[in-house]
Amino acid sequence: MKKIPLLTKIIFHTSNMGLIVIYLYPGSIIGWLIYRDFQKQPQITSDFSVFSSNHAYAFIILSLLGVISSNDKKISILFIYLFFISIILELSHILIPKRSFEYPDLFGNFLGVFLIFILFNLYKFFKNR
C-alpha cells in the first residue's frame, strides 16, 4: 500500500468542495471573477456537439486529483462517487434558479470521469504485466 501525503488529500477534497459550490451557485462565480458578470460563462475551448468541454475538463482534473489522493483499495469507491456526483450535480440544475439541466454538460462530466477511469485501468494493466 502506498503512503499518500496529506496534502494531496486536502487538495482533492478542497477541489471537490469548490466544484460543488461552483455547480450549485445560481450564476457563474467564475464569470463574475473574470468579467464581473454573473450571467457570462467563460469558455475554455469550444464545446463539441455531444458534450461540454468545460465540464469534461473540470471532471478530468477532479478525477485525476482523486486517483492521486486515493489508495488502490478505495479507488472503485472513488469512481462510483465521481459518476454519481456528476449526475446529482447536473440534475440539481433543474431546481436552481438561473441554471438549467443540459445533456451535453452531463456527457462532459461522464467523459471526464470515464477518461481518467480508462487511463487508470490501462496504467494498472501495463504496470502489472
Protein backbone atom coordinates (compact mmCIF):
# COMPACT_ATOMS: atom_id res chain seq x y z
CA MET A 1 0.00 0.00 0.00
CA LYS A 2 1.41 3.34 -0.98
CA LYS A 3 1.52 6.13 1.55
CA ILE A 4 -0.50 9.12 0.39
CA PRO A 5 0.61 12.54 1.58
CA LEU A 6 -1.99 14.51 3.49
CA LEU A 7 -1.54 17.47 1.13
CA THR A 8 -2.85 15.53 -1.89
CA LYS A 9 -5.96 14.51 0.03
CA ILE A 10 -6.55 18.10 1.14
CA ILE A 11 -6.19 19.34 -2.46
CA PHE A 12 -8.67 16.72 -3.73
CA HIS A 13 -11.27 17.43 -1.03
CA THR A 14 -10.89 21.20 -1.41
CA SER A 15 -11.27 20.92 -5.19
CA ASN A 16 -14.30 18.69 -4.73
CA MET A 17 -15.98 21.20 -2.43
CA GLY A 18 -15.04 24.07 -4.75
CA LEU A 19 -16.60 22.29 -7.72
CA ILE A 20 -19.78 21.63 -5.73
CA VAL A 21 -20.03 25.32 -4.75
CA ILE A 22 -19.47 26.46 -8.35
CA TYR A 23 -22.03 23.94 -9.59
CA LEU A 24 -24.75 24.85 -7.08
CA TYR A 25 -24.40 28.64 -7.15
CA PRO A 26 -27.23 30.30 -9.15
CA GLY A 27 -24.95 32.14 -11.56
CA SER A 28 -21.38 31.98 -12.76
CA ILE A 29 -18.88 32.66 -9.97
CA ILE A 30 -16.01 32.33 -12.42
CA GLY A 31 -17.84 34.65 -14.86
CA TRP A 32 -18.10 37.23 -12.09
CA LEU A 33 -14.40 36.90 -11.21
CA ILE A 34 -13.28 37.30 -14.83
CA TYR A 35 -15.95 39.53 -16.43
CA ARG A 36 -17.71 40.99 -13.36
CA ASP A 37 -20.90 39.43 -14.76
CA PHE A 38 -22.75 36.54 -13.11
CA GLN A 39 -24.59 35.80 -16.39
CA LYS A 40 -21.48 35.37 -18.55
CA GLN A 41 -19.88 31.92 -18.62
CA PRO A 42 -16.19 31.72 -19.57
CA GLN A 43 -15.43 29.10 -22.22
CA ILE A 44 -12.00 27.40 -22.19
CA THR A 45 -12.44 25.75 -25.60
CA SER A 46 -15.45 25.41 -27.86
CA ASP A 47 -17.95 22.72 -26.99
CA PHE A 48 -18.40 19.64 -29.08
CA SER A 49 -21.90 18.82 -30.29
CA VAL A 50 -22.29 15.98 -27.79
CA PHE A 51 -20.51 17.23 -24.67
CA SER A 52 -19.40 20.36 -22.86
CA SER A 53 -15.64 20.83 -22.87
CA ASN A 54 -15.63 22.91 -19.65
CA HIS A 55 -17.41 20.12 -17.78
CA ALA A 56 -15.08 17.48 -19.21
CA TYR A 57 -12.02 19.48 -18.11
CA ALA A 58 -13.42 20.01 -14.61
CA PHE A 59 -14.13 16.32 -14.09
CA ILE A 60 -10.82 15.24 -15.65
CA ILE A 61 -8.99 17.40 -13.10
CA LEU A 62 -11.19 16.28 -10.19
CA SER A 63 -10.89 12.60 -11.17
CA LEU A 64 -7.13 12.85 -11.59
CA LEU A 65 -6.77 14.51 -8.19
CA GLY A 66 -8.97 11.79 -6.71
CA VAL A 67 -6.85 8.99 -8.21
CA ILE A 68 -3.64 10.60 -6.98
CA SER A 69 -5.03 11.03 -3.46
CA SER A 70 -6.64 7.58 -3.11
CA ASN A 71 -5.20 4.23 -2.25
CA ASP A 72 -5.81 1.24 -4.51
CA LYS A 73 -8.36 -0.36 -2.19
CA LYS A 74 -10.73 2.63 -2.34
CA ILE A 75 -10.32 3.56 -6.00
CA SER A 76 -13.51 1.79 -7.12
CA ILE A 77 -15.48 3.71 -4.48
CA LEU A 78 -13.90 6.92 -5.77
CA PHE A 79 -15.04 6.30 -9.35
CA ILE A 80 -18.55 5.36 -8.23
CA TYR A 81 -18.66 8.59 -6.20
CA LEU A 82 -17.41 10.66 -9.15
CA PHE A 83 -20.01 9.20 -11.53
CA PHE A 84 -22.83 9.77 -9.04
CA ILE A 85 -21.76 13.29 -8.10
CA SER A 86 -21.61 14.22 -11.80
CA ILE A 87 -25.22 13.08 -12.19
CA ILE A 88 -26.50 14.64 -8.97
CA LEU A 89 -24.85 18.00 -9.59
CA GLU A 90 -26.21 18.27 -13.12
CA LEU A 91 -29.70 17.18 -12.06
CA SER A 92 -29.61 19.80 -9.30
CA HIS A 93 -29.66 22.46 -12.03
CA ILE A 94 -33.32 21.62 -12.56
CA LEU A 95 -34.06 23.15 -9.13
CA ILE A 96 -31.53 26.01 -9.02
CA PRO A 97 -32.67 29.40 -10.40
CA LYS A 98 -30.70 30.70 -13.40
CA ARG A 99 -29.25 27.22 -14.00
CA SER A 100 -30.52 24.55 -16.38
CA PHE A 101 -30.01 20.85 -16.87
CA GLU A 102 -28.25 20.12 -20.14
CA TYR A 103 -27.32 16.75 -21.59
CA PRO A 104 -24.02 17.99 -23.10
CA ASP A 105 -22.93 19.07 -19.60
CA LEU A 106 -23.83 15.66 -18.18
CA PHE A 107 -21.98 13.90 -21.01
CA GLY A 108 -18.96 16.16 -20.40
CA ASN A 109 -18.98 15.15 -16.73
CA PHE A 110 -19.15 11.47 -17.68
CA LEU A 111 -16.42 11.85 -20.28
CA GLY A 112 -14.04 13.45 -17.77
CA VAL A 113 -14.52 10.68 -15.21
CA PHE A 114 -14.55 7.90 -17.81
CA LEU A 115 -11.32 9.11 -19.45
CA ILE A 116 -9.41 9.00 -16.16
CA PHE A 117 -11.04 5.65 -15.32
CA ILE A 118 -9.77 4.17 -18.61
CA LEU A 119 -6.30 5.70 -18.23
CA PHE A 120 -6.04 4.43 -14.65
CA ASN A 121 -7.01 0.89 -15.69
CA LEU A 122 -4.55 0.95 -18.60
CA TYR A 123 -1.84 2.11 -16.20
CA LYS A 124 -2.63 -0.75 -13.79
CA PHE A 125 -2.73 -3.26 -16.66
CA PHE A 126 0.68 -2.31 -18.03
CA LYS A 127 2.19 -1.92 -14.56
CA ASN A 128 1.18 -5.47 -13.60
CA ARG A 129 2.45 -7.06 -16.85
